[in-house]
Amino acid sequence: MRVQLQQLRYFVAVAETRHFTHAADIVGITQPSLSKQIHVLEADLGAPLFERIRGNIGLTAAGEVLLPLARRILADVDTARREVQELVGLRRGRVRLGATPSLATSLAPAVLRRFRDAHPTVDLRVEESGSQDLVRDLLRGELDLALIIQPGHGPDPALRTEPILRDNLVVASVNPLPMAGPTGTVRLADLRDQPLVMFRQGYDLRDVTIQACREAGFEPSLAVDGGEMDAVLSFVEAGLGAALVPGIVVARRPRLWVTPLAPPGVQRTIALARRREVEPTHAARAFRRILLDYVRTAAEHSTLPAGVTPF
């Protein structure tokens, strides 16, 4: 059997796109050449990998078995190549970091500055997106590390997550909330009739907000449905409604009124995530060390943003 890495790449591309022509465009060869290589791979393995069902491309049982193995092999090869190239100096190191919008504008800048000062030749690439999208990109091998919000049902088993901070949500509004109690806090149940600005589908804060409202006994009333962090805060500033947001993002919004939630409130766990089956590169390990050192030092000097505590 003479399975080649390129054949595995072609196979994974078809498996992920479920389309031979689209896969050929992604890997940069013609569709006939890709189809030929898939046939060669199937012949070497002794089993068909794809089947057509009503015009759609599906994986056979053999294809289902091969897919996670092929992804792991390709990821290991990519990691090995980067490790060797870093060690022998053939190219600079690289860190591909993902971060949620709230963390990309609060935690990440200070850590990235320290990393840049310590490792000025390492290539830094940052992707800002919701936790669900970042997890998807981690699993695809498109990111090395990601600062995510760990879901309440636990992390994806294919990831290794390291909780680093707890973050309390607050209610952001353009004016003081009339239902706030004498302590200056508001219960979640008191937001029953308060129009809320809601984050877009796929945004972790959307799921957190809806779940918290349901646990308080009501479905949230939406003033505006859809938006990312800057858009949601701008909608709140325009007086369209209130929003549940991390306390760390409203410190830079002086036009917003911040009302803490009454205990027990709503907490999120901020975690550093990577793929479990892929060993991090030297550069990724260096970034993790600097991140943890920053969090530890900020906690010791009480300089973490309001509402954020070390895990």
Foldseek 3Di string as FASTA:
>chain_A
DDDDLVLLQLLLLCAVVQDQCRSCVVSVHHSVVSVVSQVVVCVVVVHHQWDADPNTIDGDPVVVVVNVVSQLVVLQVVQVVQQVCCVVVVAAAEAEEEEEPLCVPFVPVVLVVVLCVVRVRYHYHYHYDAQQVVVVCQSNVNGAKYWYWADPVGDDPQKDKDFWKKWFKWKKALDQDPQQDPVQAAALLVQQVFAEAAAEPPHVQNVQNQVRNVVSPHGHHHLHYYDGDVVRNVCRLVGSTMYTDTQRVCVPPVSIDIGGHDPPGGMITTIMMHGPSHDHHPSVVVSVVSSNVVSVVCQVVVNHGPRMHTD
